[in-house]
Amino acid sequence: MSFSCVVNYKRQDFVIFNAKNQKPMTKTEQFHSLLQHGALPGKVLFRPILMYFAANFIGKTYGEFASDYNVLVEANLRCMDEFGLDMLGLISDPYRETSAFGAKIQYVPDGVPRCLNYVAKTNDLSCLQVAKLPF
């Protein structure tokens, strides 16, 4: 696949055009092209980790961001639209997963969550079972 590149100086975004049809590539097409063909000419995909900033950007606390996936998604999508991000990482912290395994988590408004009880009651990890793969 071949490309041509134009800079939009208003937002400092690079617009990558598909050389076959001269249409701008969507962010999804750019990502798939990166996976299939390597680096895009003249473009480094922009994917910052936002978390606390994203929460504050939409007027929410980090506690709301970490505990409510709706806030996490809205905050990241709004930052993507506003700042021209190429990709998103919809991450917060490991306690989101820890809570799914039964740990009690305290979500602090403007700080990192705290684990109030641990799922594993021992330091001996040999008692853990290996999960079966679904395929």
N, C-alpha and C. Protein backbone atom coordinates (compact mmCIF):
# COMPACT_ATOMS: atom_id res chain seq x y z
N MET A 1 0.85 -1.17 0.00
CA MET A 1 0.00 0.00 0.00
C MET A 1 0.89 1.22 0.00
N SER A 2 0.57 2.22 -0.81
CA SER A 2 1.36 3.44 -0.82
C SER A 2 0.55 4.61 -0.27
N PHE A 3 1.25 5.63 0.17
CA PHE A 3 0.63 6.73 0.88
C PHE A 3 1.11 8.06 0.32
N SER A 4 0.34 9.09 0.56
CA SER A 4 0.83 10.45 0.43
C SER A 4 0.47 11.16 1.72
N CYS A 5 1.17 12.21 2.06
CA CYS A 5 1.02 12.82 3.38
C CYS A 5 0.84 14.32 3.24
N VAL A 6 -0.12 14.90 3.95
CA VAL A 6 -0.36 16.34 3.97
C VAL A 6 -0.47 16.77 5.42
N VAL A 7 0.12 17.91 5.74
CA VAL A 7 0.02 18.42 7.11
C VAL A 7 -1.09 19.46 7.16
N ASN A 8 -1.99 19.32 8.14
CA ASN A 8 -3.01 20.31 8.41
C ASN A 8 -2.45 21.20 9.51
N TYR A 9 -1.99 22.39 9.18
CA TYR A 9 -1.30 23.22 10.15
C TYR A 9 -2.23 23.80 11.20
N LYS A 10 -3.52 23.81 10.94
CA LYS A 10 -4.47 24.33 11.94
C LYS A 10 -4.40 23.51 13.22
N ARG A 11 -4.41 22.20 13.11
CA ARG A 11 -4.37 21.33 14.29
C ARG A 11 -3.06 20.58 14.41
N GLN A 12 -2.14 20.81 13.51
CA GLN A 12 -0.85 20.12 13.52
C GLN A 12 -1.01 18.61 13.35
N ASP A 13 -2.09 18.20 12.69
CA ASP A 13 -2.30 16.79 12.40
C ASP A 13 -1.71 16.47 11.04
N PHE A 14 -1.22 15.26 10.90
CA PHE A 14 -0.84 14.76 9.59
C PHE A 14 -2.03 14.02 9.03
N VAL A 15 -2.35 14.29 7.79
CA VAL A 15 -3.42 13.56 7.13
C VAL A 15 -2.76 12.60 6.15
N ILE A 16 -3.02 11.33 6.33
CA ILE A 16 -2.45 10.31 5.47
C ILE A 16 -3.52 9.93 4.43
N PHE A 17 -3.16 10.03 3.17
CA PHE A 17 -4.07 9.68 2.09
C PHE A 17 -3.70 8.33 1.53
N ASN A 18 -4.71 7.55 1.21
CA ASN A 18 -4.51 6.31 0.51
C ASN A 18 -4.17 6.66 -0.94
N ALA A 19 -3.01 6.25 -1.41
CA ALA A 19 -2.56 6.63 -2.75
C ALA A 19 -3.44 6.06 -3.85
N LYS A 20 -4.16 4.98 -3.57
CA LYS A 20 -5.01 4.38 -4.60
C LYS A 20 -6.24 5.24 -4.89
N ASN A 21 -6.92 5.71 -3.82
CA ASN A 21 -8.16 6.45 -4.05
C ASN A 21 -8.10 7.90 -3.59
N GLN A 22 -6.95 8.33 -3.07
CA GLN A 22 -6.72 9.70 -2.63
C GLN A 22 -7.70 10.18 -1.55
N LYS A 23 -8.28 9.24 -0.82
CA LYS A 23 -9.14 9.60 0.30
C LYS A 23 -8.33 9.55 1.58
N PRO A 24 -8.61 10.47 2.53
CA PRO A 24 -7.90 10.40 3.81
C PRO A 24 -8.17 9.07 4.51
N MET A 25 -7.13 8.51 5.09
CA MET A 25 -7.29 7.27 5.84
C MET A 25 -7.88 7.59 7.21
N THR A 26 -8.81 6.77 7.65
CA THR A 26 -9.35 6.92 8.99
C THR A 26 -8.29 6.49 10.00
N LYS A 27 -8.49 6.82 11.25
CA LYS A 27 -7.55 6.40 12.29
C LYS A 27 -7.46 4.87 12.36
N THR A 28 -8.59 4.21 12.14
CA THR A 28 -8.60 2.74 12.14
C THR A 28 -7.77 2.20 10.98
N GLU A 29 -7.92 2.79 9.80
CA GLU A 29 -7.13 2.37 8.64
C GLU A 29 -5.64 2.62 8.87
N GLN A 30 -5.30 3.75 9.50
CA GLN A 30 -3.90 4.03 9.80
C GLN A 30 -3.32 2.98 10.75
N PHE A 31 -4.11 2.62 11.76
CA PHE A 31 -3.65 1.62 12.73
C PHE A 31 -3.44 0.27 12.05
N HIS A 32 -4.40 -0.16 11.23
CA HIS A 32 -4.27 -1.45 10.54
C HIS A 32 -3.09 -1.42 9.57
N SER A 33 -2.87 -0.29 8.92
CA SER A 33 -1.73 -0.17 8.02
C SER A 33 -0.42 -0.26 8.79
N LEU A 34 -0.39 0.35 9.96
CA LEU A 34 0.80 0.27 10.81
C LEU A 34 1.10 -1.19 11.16
N LEU A 35 0.06 -1.94 11.52
CA LEU A 35 0.26 -3.35 11.87
C LEU A 35 0.73 -4.17 10.67
N GLN A 36 0.17 -3.89 9.50
CA GLN A 36 0.46 -4.70 8.32
C GLN A 36 1.74 -4.30 7.60
N HIS A 37 2.03 -2.97 7.57
CA HIS A 37 3.12 -2.49 6.73
C HIS A 37 4.22 -1.75 7.49
N GLY A 38 4.06 -1.59 8.77
CA GLY A 38 5.05 -0.84 9.54
C GLY A 38 4.73 0.64 9.58
N ALA A 39 5.72 1.43 9.91
CA ALA A 39 5.55 2.87 10.14
C ALA A 39 4.93 3.57 8.95
N LEU A 40 4.07 4.53 9.25
CA LEU A 40 3.49 5.37 8.21
C LEU A 40 4.50 6.46 7.86
N PRO A 41 4.61 6.81 6.58
CA PRO A 41 5.61 7.82 6.19
C PRO A 41 5.26 9.19 6.79
N GLY A 42 6.20 9.77 7.52
CA GLY A 42 6.01 11.11 8.06
C GLY A 42 5.04 11.20 9.22
N LYS A 43 4.69 10.08 9.84
CA LYS A 43 3.67 10.11 10.89
C LYS A 43 4.07 9.18 12.02
N VAL A 44 4.01 9.69 13.23
CA VAL A 44 4.14 8.88 14.43
C VAL A 44 2.77 8.95 15.10
N LEU A 45 2.15 7.79 15.28
CA LEU A 45 0.81 7.78 15.87
C LEU A 45 0.89 8.26 17.32
N PHE A 46 -0.04 9.12 17.68
CA PHE A 46 -0.05 9.80 18.98
C PHE A 46 -1.04 9.10 19.90
N ARG A 47 -0.51 8.45 20.96
CA ARG A 47 -1.34 7.71 21.91
C ARG A 47 -0.84 7.93 23.33
N PRO A 48 -1.17 9.08 23.92
CA PRO A 48 -0.74 9.31 25.30
C PRO A 48 -1.62 8.55 26.29
N ILE A 49 -1.08 8.32 27.47
CA ILE A 49 -1.88 7.75 28.56
C ILE A 49 -2.40 8.94 29.36
N LEU A 50 -3.71 9.11 29.40
CA LEU A 50 -4.31 10.34 29.92
C LEU A 50 -4.83 10.23 31.36
N MET A 51 -5.57 9.25 31.66
CA MET A 51 -6.17 8.93 32.95
C MET A 51 -6.56 10.15 33.78
N TYR A 52 -5.74 10.60 34.71
CA TYR A 52 -6.09 11.70 35.62
C TYR A 52 -6.44 12.96 34.84
N PHE A 53 -5.64 13.28 33.83
CA PHE A 53 -5.91 14.46 33.00
C PHE A 53 -7.27 14.35 32.33
N ALA A 54 -7.55 13.18 31.75
CA ALA A 54 -8.82 12.99 31.03
C ALA A 54 -10.01 13.17 31.97
N ALA A 55 -9.92 12.62 33.17
CA ALA A 55 -11.00 12.77 34.15
C ALA A 55 -11.25 14.24 34.44
N ASN A 56 -10.19 14.98 34.74
CA ASN A 56 -10.33 16.40 35.04
C ASN A 56 -10.81 17.19 33.83
N PHE A 57 -10.42 16.78 32.64
CA PHE A 57 -10.81 17.48 31.42
C PHE A 57 -12.33 17.52 31.25
N ILE A 58 -13.02 16.46 31.71
CA ILE A 58 -14.48 16.45 31.58
C ILE A 58 -15.18 16.77 32.90
N GLY A 59 -14.42 17.27 33.86
CA GLY A 59 -15.02 17.69 35.12
C GLY A 59 -15.33 16.55 36.09
N LYS A 60 -14.63 15.44 35.96
CA LYS A 60 -14.82 14.29 36.85
C LYS A 60 -13.58 14.09 37.70
N THR A 61 -13.71 13.34 38.77
CA THR A 61 -12.55 13.00 39.60
C THR A 61 -11.90 11.73 39.07
N TYR A 62 -10.66 11.50 39.51
CA TYR A 62 -10.01 10.26 39.12
C TYR A 62 -10.73 9.05 39.72
N GLY A 63 -11.31 9.23 40.90
CA GLY A 63 -12.09 8.14 41.51
C GLY A 63 -13.26 7.74 40.63
N GLU A 64 -13.95 8.71 40.05
CA GLU A 64 -15.06 8.40 39.13
C GLU A 64 -14.53 7.73 37.87
N PHE A 65 -13.41 8.21 37.38
CA PHE A 65 -12.79 7.65 36.18
C PHE A 65 -12.41 6.19 36.40
N ALA A 66 -11.80 5.91 37.57
CA ALA A 66 -11.31 4.55 37.85
C ALA A 66 -12.44 3.58 38.18
N SER A 67 -13.55 4.08 38.70
CA SER A 67 -14.61 3.17 39.16
C SER A 67 -15.76 3.02 38.18
N ASP A 68 -15.87 3.88 37.19
CA ASP A 68 -17.02 3.87 36.28
C ASP A 68 -16.52 3.87 34.84
N TYR A 69 -16.72 2.75 34.16
CA TYR A 69 -16.22 2.65 32.78
C TYR A 69 -16.85 3.68 31.86
N ASN A 70 -18.07 4.13 32.16
CA ASN A 70 -18.70 5.16 31.32
C ASN A 70 -17.90 6.46 31.36
N VAL A 71 -17.43 6.85 32.54
CA VAL A 71 -16.62 8.05 32.69
C VAL A 71 -15.29 7.86 31.98
N LEU A 72 -14.67 6.70 32.14
CA LEU A 72 -13.40 6.39 31.49
C LEU A 72 -13.51 6.54 29.98
N VAL A 73 -14.55 5.96 29.40
CA VAL A 73 -14.73 6.00 27.95
C VAL A 73 -15.04 7.42 27.48
N GLU A 74 -15.97 8.11 28.15
CA GLU A 74 -16.32 9.48 27.75
C GLU A 74 -15.10 10.39 27.82
N ALA A 75 -14.33 10.30 28.90
CA ALA A 75 -13.16 11.16 29.07
C ALA A 75 -12.14 10.93 27.96
N ASN A 76 -11.87 9.68 27.64
CA ASN A 76 -10.89 9.39 26.60
C ASN A 76 -11.37 9.79 25.22
N LEU A 77 -12.65 9.55 24.92
CA LEU A 77 -13.18 9.94 23.61
C LEU A 77 -13.18 11.45 23.44
N ARG A 78 -13.53 12.18 24.48
CA ARG A 78 -13.52 13.65 24.37
C ARG A 78 -12.12 14.19 24.19
N CYS A 79 -11.15 13.60 24.88
CA CYS A 79 -9.75 14.01 24.68
C CYS A 79 -9.28 13.67 23.27
N MET A 80 -9.70 12.50 22.76
CA MET A 80 -9.32 12.11 21.41
C MET A 80 -9.85 13.13 20.41
N ASP A 81 -11.11 13.53 20.56
CA ASP A 81 -11.69 14.50 19.65
C ASP A 81 -11.03 15.88 19.77
N GLU A 82 -10.80 16.31 20.99
CA GLU A 82 -10.26 17.65 21.23
C GLU A 82 -8.80 17.79 20.84
N PHE A 83 -8.01 16.76 21.10
CA PHE A 83 -6.57 16.87 20.91
C PHE A 83 -6.03 16.07 19.73
N GLY A 84 -6.92 15.46 18.95
CA GLY A 84 -6.50 14.76 17.75
C GLY A 84 -5.67 13.51 18.00
N LEU A 85 -6.01 12.77 19.05
CA LEU A 85 -5.28 11.55 19.35
C LEU A 85 -5.54 10.51 18.26
N ASP A 86 -4.56 9.69 17.99
CA ASP A 86 -4.71 8.65 16.98
C ASP A 86 -5.26 7.35 17.54
N MET A 87 -4.95 7.06 18.79
CA MET A 87 -5.41 5.82 19.41
C MET A 87 -5.71 6.10 20.88
N LEU A 88 -6.51 5.23 21.46
CA LEU A 88 -6.84 5.32 22.88
C LEU A 88 -6.42 4.06 23.60
N GLY A 89 -6.03 4.24 24.83
CA GLY A 89 -5.83 3.12 25.73
C GLY A 89 -6.85 3.27 26.84
N LEU A 90 -7.86 2.47 26.84
CA LEU A 90 -8.93 2.60 27.83
C LEU A 90 -8.53 1.86 29.10
N ILE A 91 -7.59 2.48 29.80
CA ILE A 91 -7.03 1.89 31.01
C ILE A 91 -7.25 2.83 32.18
N SER A 92 -7.24 2.28 33.37
CA SER A 92 -7.22 3.13 34.56
C SER A 92 -6.14 2.59 35.48
N ASP A 93 -6.39 1.52 36.18
CA ASP A 93 -5.41 0.94 37.08
C ASP A 93 -5.78 -0.52 37.32
N PRO A 94 -4.88 -1.30 37.92
CA PRO A 94 -5.13 -2.73 38.09
C PRO A 94 -6.28 -3.05 39.04
N TYR A 95 -6.70 -2.11 39.86
CA TYR A 95 -7.77 -2.42 40.81
C TYR A 95 -9.12 -2.62 40.14
N ARG A 96 -9.28 -2.15 38.92
CA ARG A 96 -10.52 -2.44 38.17
C ARG A 96 -10.65 -3.95 38.01
N GLU A 97 -9.56 -4.60 37.62
CA GLU A 97 -9.57 -6.05 37.48
C GLU A 97 -9.62 -6.75 38.83
N THR A 98 -8.89 -6.21 39.80
CA THR A 98 -8.85 -6.81 41.14
C THR A 98 -10.25 -6.87 41.74
N SER A 99 -11.02 -5.81 41.54
CA SER A 99 -12.39 -5.79 42.07
C SER A 99 -13.26 -6.84 41.39
N ALA A 100 -12.98 -7.13 40.12
CA ALA A 100 -13.75 -8.15 39.41
C ALA A 100 -13.50 -9.54 39.99
N PHE A 101 -12.37 -9.73 40.68
CA PHE A 101 -12.06 -11.00 41.33
C PHE A 101 -12.50 -11.03 42.79
N GLY A 102 -13.21 -9.98 43.23
CA GLY A 102 -13.79 -10.00 44.56
C GLY A 102 -13.13 -9.14 45.61
N ALA A 103 -12.09 -8.43 45.28
CA ALA A 103 -11.45 -7.57 46.27
C ALA A 103 -12.30 -6.32 46.52
N LYS A 104 -12.31 -5.85 47.74
CA LYS A 104 -12.99 -4.59 48.09
C LYS A 104 -12.03 -3.46 47.76
N ILE A 105 -12.51 -2.50 46.99
CA ILE A 105 -11.69 -1.38 46.57
C ILE A 105 -12.32 -0.09 47.07
N GLN A 106 -11.49 0.79 47.60
CA GLN A 106 -11.95 2.12 48.00
C GLN A 106 -11.48 3.10 46.93
N TYR A 107 -12.44 3.74 46.28
CA TYR A 107 -12.10 4.72 45.25
C TYR A 107 -12.04 6.10 45.88
N VAL A 108 -10.87 6.70 45.83
CA VAL A 108 -10.61 8.00 46.42
C VAL A 108 -10.85 9.05 45.34
N PRO A 109 -11.56 10.15 45.65
CA PRO A 109 -11.88 11.13 44.61
C PRO A 109 -10.68 11.61 43.79
N ASP A 110 -9.62 12.06 44.44
CA ASP A 110 -8.48 12.59 43.69
C ASP A 110 -7.18 11.88 44.04
N GLY A 111 -7.25 10.58 44.11
CA GLY A 111 -6.07 9.76 44.37
C GLY A 111 -6.27 8.39 43.76
N VAL A 112 -5.27 7.57 43.93
CA VAL A 112 -5.36 6.23 43.38
C VAL A 112 -6.23 5.36 44.29
N PRO A 113 -6.94 4.39 43.73
CA PRO A 113 -7.77 3.49 44.54
C PRO A 113 -6.92 2.69 45.52
N ARG A 114 -7.59 2.22 46.56
CA ARG A 114 -6.91 1.41 47.58
C ARG A 114 -7.61 0.07 47.71
N CYS A 115 -6.82 -0.97 47.78
CA CYS A 115 -7.37 -2.31 47.98
C CYS A 115 -7.52 -2.54 49.48
N LEU A 116 -8.76 -2.85 49.92
CA LEU A 116 -9.05 -3.01 51.34
C LEU A 116 -8.90 -4.45 51.81
N ASN A 117 -9.01 -5.39 50.89
CA ASN A 117 -8.76 -6.79 51.23
C ASN A 117 -8.20 -7.49 50.00
N TYR A 118 -7.34 -8.40 50.22
CA TYR A 118 -6.70 -9.10 49.11
C TYR A 118 -7.46 -10.38 48.81
N VAL A 119 -7.55 -10.70 47.55
CA VAL A 119 -8.23 -11.92 47.13
C VAL A 119 -7.41 -13.13 47.55
N ALA A 120 -6.11 -13.07 47.33
CA ALA A 120 -5.23 -14.17 47.74
C ALA A 120 -4.89 -13.96 49.22
N LYS A 121 -5.04 -15.00 50.00
CA LYS A 121 -4.79 -14.92 51.44
C LYS A 121 -3.43 -15.48 51.82
N THR A 122 -2.61 -15.76 50.84
CA THR A 122 -1.30 -16.34 51.11
C THR A 122 -0.29 -15.78 50.13
N ASN A 123 0.95 -15.83 50.49
CA ASN A 123 2.03 -15.45 49.57
C ASN A 123 2.49 -16.63 48.73
N ASP A 124 1.96 -17.81 49.05
CA ASP A 124 2.32 -19.03 48.32
C ASP A 124 1.47 -19.11 47.06
N LEU A 125 2.03 -18.70 45.94
CA LEU A 125 1.28 -18.66 44.69
C LEU A 125 1.12 -20.03 44.03
N SER A 126 1.72 -21.05 44.60
CA SER A 126 1.58 -22.39 44.03
C SER A 126 0.15 -22.90 44.15
N CYS A 127 -0.65 -22.28 45.02
CA CYS A 127 -2.04 -22.71 45.19
C CYS A 127 -2.95 -22.20 44.06
N LEU A 128 -2.45 -21.31 43.24
CA LEU A 128 -3.26 -20.76 42.15
C LEU A 128 -3.39 -21.78 41.01
N GLN A 129 -4.57 -21.83 40.44
CA GLN A 129 -4.80 -22.72 39.31
C GLN A 129 -4.61 -21.95 38.02
N VAL A 130 -4.12 -22.62 37.01
CA VAL A 130 -3.95 -22.01 35.71
C VAL A 130 -5.30 -22.04 35.01
N ALA A 131 -5.70 -20.88 34.52
CA ALA A 131 -6.99 -20.79 33.82
C ALA A 131 -6.91 -21.52 32.48
N LYS A 132 -8.02 -22.14 32.09
CA LYS A 132 -8.08 -22.80 30.79
C LYS A 132 -8.39 -21.76 29.73
N LEU A 133 -7.70 -21.85 28.64
CA LEU A 133 -7.96 -20.93 27.52
C LEU A 133 -9.27 -21.28 26.85
N PRO A 134 -10.04 -20.27 26.43
CA PRO A 134 -11.35 -20.54 25.84
C PRO A 134 -11.29 -21.05 24.40
N PHE A 135 -10.10 -21.22 23.86
CA PHE A 135 -10.00 -21.70 22.45
C PHE A 135 -9.07 -22.87 22.34
